[in-house]
């Protein structure tokens, strides 16, 4: 390990640090299972916040609770909480970002309740719900919809805190310090399209077609910080034939998770089984 660190210009920590993984969870059960299996040897605790409503106050099931049996392999490492119900009244136009902010506040409380100490690493996957202002972030491959559509190698979503009492959530962009990571990150793959996009009123057949072509679901410009990167990412994502370094748990269970692999974008079943 010392020799490997020197090759990258790194130095070893004076003592081992615990690693915590935090997520505000919606319904991406399959991706969560794959990711946790990959991180299991390294993460000390998985911190997960669940909610009975969407960010617009529409009721939804507690998917993680209903499928808890799929995460028995990590049972001793799970710290979980449930966000208080905030069901929207008919005709109300409450700003969903207010509810997102309240989720972030609840996650901050949950993190404090975990056995985390100053100097420990806290990994947060930033998907709009749990953006963090930390300068350090992991550098995984960035996929969209499935491992068939490789966007680039510059995802800034997974970020790393060196934890301290002032560690909070926010929406900022800072200087970039990369951490190497072999895993890939898949954005916006759902088990149940109607539940995930109910608040946006998309037709499930249109969603399925867009996913299979690698196009943008919301017809928006790519989220980039300069024109060069924006222009490079205009239009549908090219299909990738690259199948190396996929998560080991995905490869070992390829038949079960075949919809995440090349040429299998059509979902046959919406269940975890």
Protein backbone atom coordinates (compact mmCIF):
# COMPACT_ATOMS: atom_id res chain seq x y z
CA UNK A 1 0.00 0.00 0.00
CA UNK A 2 2.85 2.39 0.84
CA UNK A 3 4.48 1.80 -2.57
CA UNK A 4 1.15 2.21 -4.38
CA UNK A 5 0.52 5.51 -2.57
CA UNK A 6 3.97 6.83 -3.48
CA UNK A 7 3.34 6.15 -7.17
CA UNK A 8 0.41 8.58 -6.99
CA UNK A 9 2.22 11.11 -4.84
CA UNK A 10 0.07 10.26 -1.83
CA UNK A 11 1.01 9.49 1.75
CA UNK A 12 -0.60 7.05 4.18
CA UNK A 13 -2.73 8.33 7.05
CA UNK A 14 -1.13 8.06 10.46
CA UNK A 15 -4.06 5.89 11.55
CA UNK A 16 -6.98 4.22 9.73
CA UNK A 17 -10.13 6.30 9.24
CA UNK A 18 -13.68 5.02 9.26
CA UNK A 19 -15.72 5.53 6.10
CA UNK A 20 -19.43 6.41 6.14
CA UNK A 21 -21.77 6.40 3.12
CA UNK A 22 -24.87 8.63 3.28
CA UNK A 23 -27.85 8.65 0.93
CA UNK A 24 -31.30 10.24 0.83
CA UNK A 25 -33.18 7.38 -0.77
CA UNK A 26 -36.08 7.38 -3.24
CA UNK A 27 -36.67 4.02 -4.92
CA UNK A 28 -33.50 2.95 -6.77
CA UNK A 29 -33.37 -0.42 -5.01
CA UNK A 30 -31.30 -2.35 -7.54
CA UNK A 31 -28.62 0.32 -7.79
CA UNK A 32 -28.44 0.65 -4.02
CA UNK A 33 -27.98 -3.10 -3.64
CA UNK A 34 -25.19 -3.20 -6.24
CA UNK A 35 -23.43 -0.16 -4.80
CA UNK A 36 -23.56 -1.37 -1.21
CA UNK A 37 -22.17 -4.78 -2.19
CA UNK A 38 -19.23 -3.03 -3.86
CA UNK A 39 -18.59 -0.74 -0.89
CA UNK A 40 -19.24 -3.34 1.81
CA UNK A 41 -15.55 -4.22 2.46
CA UNK A 42 -14.61 -0.56 2.90
CA UNK A 43 -17.56 1.27 4.50
CA UNK A 44 -18.03 1.28 8.27
CA UNK A 45 -21.68 2.38 8.20
CA UNK A 46 -24.35 3.05 5.57
CA UNK A 47 -26.56 6.01 6.52
CA UNK A 48 -29.91 6.08 4.73
CA UNK A 49 -32.85 8.49 5.04
CA UNK A 50 -36.25 7.38 3.71
CA UNK A 51 -39.50 9.28 3.16
CA UNK A 52 -43.16 8.39 2.64
CA UNK A 53 -43.62 11.21 0.12
CA UNK A 54 -41.92 12.68 -2.93
CA UNK A 55 -40.43 16.17 -2.79
CA UNK A 56 -43.77 17.54 -3.99
CA UNK A 57 -45.65 15.84 -1.17
CA UNK A 58 -47.11 12.92 -3.15
CA UNK A 59 -47.36 9.73 -1.04
CA UNK A 60 -45.06 6.83 -1.97
CA UNK A 61 -44.18 3.49 -0.34
CA UNK A 62 -41.13 3.00 1.84
CA UNK A 63 -39.37 0.91 -0.81
CA UNK A 64 -36.27 0.23 1.27
CA UNK A 65 -38.29 -1.01 4.25
CA UNK A 66 -40.44 -3.26 2.05
CA UNK A 67 -37.31 -4.81 0.49
CA UNK A 68 -35.08 -4.85 3.56
CA UNK A 69 -34.37 -8.56 3.09
CA UNK A 70 -32.20 -7.72 0.06
CA UNK A 71 -29.84 -5.79 2.32
CA UNK A 72 -29.33 -8.36 5.06
CA UNK A 73 -25.67 -8.61 4.01
CA UNK A 74 -25.15 -5.08 5.43
CA UNK A 75 -27.61 -5.24 8.33
CA UNK A 76 -25.03 -4.60 11.04
CA UNK A 77 -23.78 -1.47 9.25
CA UNK A 78 -27.09 0.27 8.46
CA UNK A 79 -28.17 3.47 10.20
CA UNK A 80 -31.59 4.51 8.92
CA UNK A 81 -34.26 7.10 9.57
CA UNK A 82 -37.65 8.10 8.15
CA UNK A 83 -38.46 11.69 7.21
CA UNK A 84 -41.76 12.90 8.76
CA UNK A 85 -44.73 12.82 6.38
CA UNK A 86 -45.45 16.00 4.43
CA UNK A 87 -48.41 15.11 2.20
CA UNK A 88 -49.33 18.04 -0.04
CA UNK A 89 -52.84 19.45 0.08
CA UNK A 90 -54.80 19.38 -3.22
CA UNK A 91 -54.14 22.57 -5.16
CA UNK A 92 -51.15 23.58 -3.05
CA UNK A 93 -48.10 24.99 -4.82
CA UNK A 94 -45.43 24.57 -2.18
CA UNK A 95 -41.91 24.88 -3.51
CA UNK A 96 -40.45 21.33 -3.64
CA UNK A 97 -36.98 22.72 -2.96
CA UNK A 98 -38.16 23.67 0.52
CA UNK A 99 -38.96 20.02 1.18
CA UNK A 100 -35.60 18.96 -0.25
CA UNK A 101 -33.89 21.34 2.15
CA UNK A 102 -35.79 19.80 5.06
CA UNK A 103 -34.64 16.34 3.94
CA UNK A 104 -31.06 17.59 4.01
CA UNK A 105 -31.57 18.89 7.53
CA UNK A 106 -32.93 15.52 8.64
CA UNK A 107 -29.95 13.78 7.08
CA UNK A 108 -27.57 16.05 9.00
CA UNK A 109 -29.26 14.93 12.23
CA UNK A 110 -29.03 11.27 11.18
CA UNK A 111 -25.33 11.61 10.40
CA UNK A 112 -24.73 13.01 13.88
CA UNK A 113 -26.54 9.98 15.34
CA UNK A 114 -24.16 7.59 13.57
CA UNK A 115 -20.85 6.63 15.15
CA UNK A 116 -18.96 9.18 13.08
CA UNK A 117 -16.02 11.11 14.51
CA UNK A 118 -13.96 14.10 13.45
CA UNK A 119 -11.54 13.09 10.71
CA UNK A 120 -13.66 10.19 9.41
CA UNK A 121 -14.58 10.08 5.71
CA UNK A 122 -18.19 10.77 4.75
CA UNK A 123 -19.21 9.88 1.17
CA UNK A 124 -22.34 11.53 -0.21
CA UNK A 125 -23.82 10.93 -3.64
CA UNK A 126 -25.06 14.32 -4.83
CA UNK A 127 -28.11 14.00 -7.06
CA UNK A 128 -29.79 17.33 -6.43
CA UNK A 129 -31.22 16.22 -3.11
CA UNK A 130 -27.99 15.96 -1.20
CA UNK A 131 -25.52 18.34 -2.84
CA UNK A 132 -22.50 19.04 -0.66
CA UNK A 133 -19.96 21.88 -0.71
CA UNK A 134 -16.91 19.69 -0.17
CA UNK A 135 -13.89 20.20 -2.42
CA UNK A 136 -12.93 16.52 -2.52
CA UNK A 137 -14.90 14.10 -4.64
CA UNK A 138 -14.61 10.65 -6.10
CA UNK A 139 -13.98 10.22 -9.81
CA UNK A 140 -16.11 7.32 -11.06
CA UNK A 141 -17.33 6.64 -14.54
CA UNK A 142 -20.55 8.52 -15.17
CA UNK A 143 -23.34 6.47 -16.78
CA UNK A 144 -26.88 7.48 -17.67
CA UNK A 145 -29.85 5.09 -17.37
CA UNK A 146 -27.70 1.94 -17.49
CA UNK A 147 -24.14 0.74 -18.04
CA UNK A 148 -24.83 0.91 -21.78
CA UNK A 149 -24.58 4.71 -21.88
CA UNK A 150 -21.19 6.00 -20.70
CA UNK A 151 -21.37 9.80 -20.42
CA UNK A 152 -17.80 10.57 -19.33
CA UNK A 153 -15.22 10.05 -16.60
CA UNK A 154 -15.79 13.36 -14.82
CA UNK A 155 -18.79 12.90 -12.56
CA UNK A 156 -18.69 15.32 -9.64
CA UNK A 157 -21.68 13.79 -7.87
CA UNK A 158 -20.00 11.46 -5.33
CA UNK A 159 -18.20 13.71 -2.87
CA UNK A 160 -16.09 13.12 0.19
CA UNK A 161 -16.10 14.99 3.46
CA UNK A 162 -13.39 14.83 6.06
CA UNK A 163 -16.00 15.04 8.77
CA UNK A 164 -16.09 17.80 11.37
CA UNK A 165 -18.91 19.36 13.45
CA UNK A 166 -19.55 21.98 10.73
CA UNK A 167 -20.13 19.45 7.95
CA UNK A 168 -23.43 20.43 6.29
CA UNK A 169 -25.27 20.08 3.01
CA UNK A 170 -25.50 22.82 0.38
CA UNK A 171 -25.53 23.64 -3.34
CA UNK A 172 -22.06 24.88 -4.26
CA UNK A 173 -19.21 24.22 -6.64
CA UNK A 174 -15.64 24.32 -5.32
CA UNK A 175 -12.13 23.54 -6.44
CA UNK A 176 -11.79 19.98 -7.58
CA UNK A 177 -9.68 17.35 -5.84
CA UNK A 178 -10.17 13.88 -7.30
CA UNK A 179 -10.24 10.55 -5.52
CA UNK A 180 -9.84 7.45 -7.67
CA UNK A 181 -12.76 5.03 -7.66
CA UNK A 182 -13.24 1.89 -9.72
CA UNK A 183 -17.03 1.85 -9.45
CA UNK A 184 -19.34 3.38 -12.02
CA UNK A 185 -22.19 5.71 -11.16
CA UNK A 186 -25.51 5.23 -12.92
CA UNK A 187 -27.89 8.18 -12.86
CA UNK A 188 -31.68 7.98 -12.88
CA UNK A 189 -32.35 4.28 -13.33
CA UNK A 190 -35.64 3.35 -11.68
CA UNK A 191 -37.49 0.17 -10.85
CA UNK A 192 -40.87 1.83 -11.22
CA UNK A 193 -41.03 4.64 -13.80
CA UNK A 194 -44.47 5.87 -12.79
CA UNK A 195 -43.42 6.32 -9.16
CA UNK A 196 -40.15 8.07 -9.98
CA UNK A 197 -41.59 10.53 -12.48
CA UNK A 198 -45.11 10.95 -11.14
CA UNK A 199 -44.34 14.48 -10.04
CA UNK A 200 -43.28 15.40 -13.59
CA UNK A 201 -46.31 13.85 -15.38
CA UNK A 202 -44.26 11.93 -17.95
CA UNK A 203 -45.79 9.02 -19.82
CA UNK A 204 -44.04 5.77 -18.96
CA UNK A 205 -43.81 4.69 -22.61
CA UNK A 206 -42.07 7.94 -23.55
CA UNK A 207 -39.67 7.45 -20.64
CA UNK A 208 -38.86 3.91 -21.78
CA UNK A 209 -38.14 5.06 -25.34
CA UNK A 210 -35.85 7.86 -24.19
CA UNK A 211 -33.94 5.48 -21.92
CA UNK A 212 -33.39 3.03 -24.79
CA UNK A 213 -32.02 5.75 -27.09
CA UNK A 214 -29.86 7.49 -24.49
CA UNK A 215 -31.60 10.83 -24.94
CA UNK A 216 -32.34 13.46 -22.29
CA UNK A 217 -35.58 12.86 -20.42
CA UNK A 218 -36.29 16.52 -19.71
CA UNK A 219 -35.14 17.98 -23.07
CA UNK A 220 -32.64 20.14 -21.21
CA UNK A 221 -29.12 21.25 -22.02
CA UNK A 222 -26.34 19.24 -20.33
CA UNK A 223 -25.42 20.47 -16.86
CA UNK A 224 -21.92 21.76 -17.47
CA UNK A 225 -19.85 24.74 -16.37
CA UNK A 226 -18.27 25.69 -19.71
CA UNK A 227 -19.39 25.80 -23.35
CA UNK A 228 -16.80 23.27 -24.51
CA UNK A 229 -18.20 20.50 -22.30
CA UNK A 230 -21.79 21.55 -23.01
CA UNK A 231 -21.36 21.30 -26.79
CA UNK A 232 -19.59 17.92 -26.49
CA UNK A 233 -22.61 16.46 -24.70
CA UNK A 234 -25.41 17.76 -26.91
CA UNK A 235 -27.66 15.04 -28.35
CA UNK A 236 -28.17 11.39 -27.36
CA UNK A 237 -25.41 9.53 -25.51
CA UNK A 238 -23.50 7.07 -27.68
CA UNK A 239 -23.94 3.43 -26.73
CA UNK A 240 -20.86 1.93 -25.12
CA UNK A 241 -19.41 -1.52 -25.78
CA UNK A 242 -17.06 -1.12 -22.81
CA UNK A 243 -17.79 -3.91 -20.31
CA UNK A 244 -14.62 -3.98 -18.23
CA UNK A 245 -14.49 -2.96 -14.58
CA UNK A 246 -18.23 -3.18 -14.06
CA UNK A 247 -19.27 -3.75 -10.43
CA UNK A 248 -18.47 -7.35 -9.49
CA UNK A 249 -21.89 -7.92 -7.94
CA UNK A 250 -23.54 -6.79 -11.17
CA UNK A 251 -21.43 -9.19 -13.23
CA UNK A 252 -22.10 -12.09 -10.84
CA UNK A 253 -25.85 -11.42 -11.07
CA UNK A 254 -26.01 -10.37 -14.72
CA UNK A 255 -29.24 -12.23 -15.44
CA UNK A 256 -31.06 -10.55 -12.58
CA UNK A 257 -29.77 -7.08 -13.47
CA UNK A 258 -29.71 -7.54 -17.25
CA UNK A 259 -31.70 -4.30 -17.78
CA UNK A 260 -28.57 -2.43 -16.61
CA UNK A 261 -26.44 -4.06 -19.31
CA UNK A 262 -26.06 -3.40 -23.03
CA UNK A 263 -29.05 -4.21 -25.24
CA UNK A 264 -31.50 -4.91 -22.41
CA UNK A 265 -33.16 -1.56 -21.73
CA UNK A 266 -36.72 -2.95 -21.85
CA UNK A 267 -37.92 -3.94 -18.39
CA UNK A 268 -39.82 -7.23 -18.15
CA UNK A 269 -40.63 -6.96 -14.46
CA UNK A 270 -40.86 -4.08 -12.01
CA UNK A 271 -40.08 -6.19 -8.95
CA UNK A 272 -36.90 -6.73 -7.00
CA UNK A 273 -37.05 -10.46 -7.67
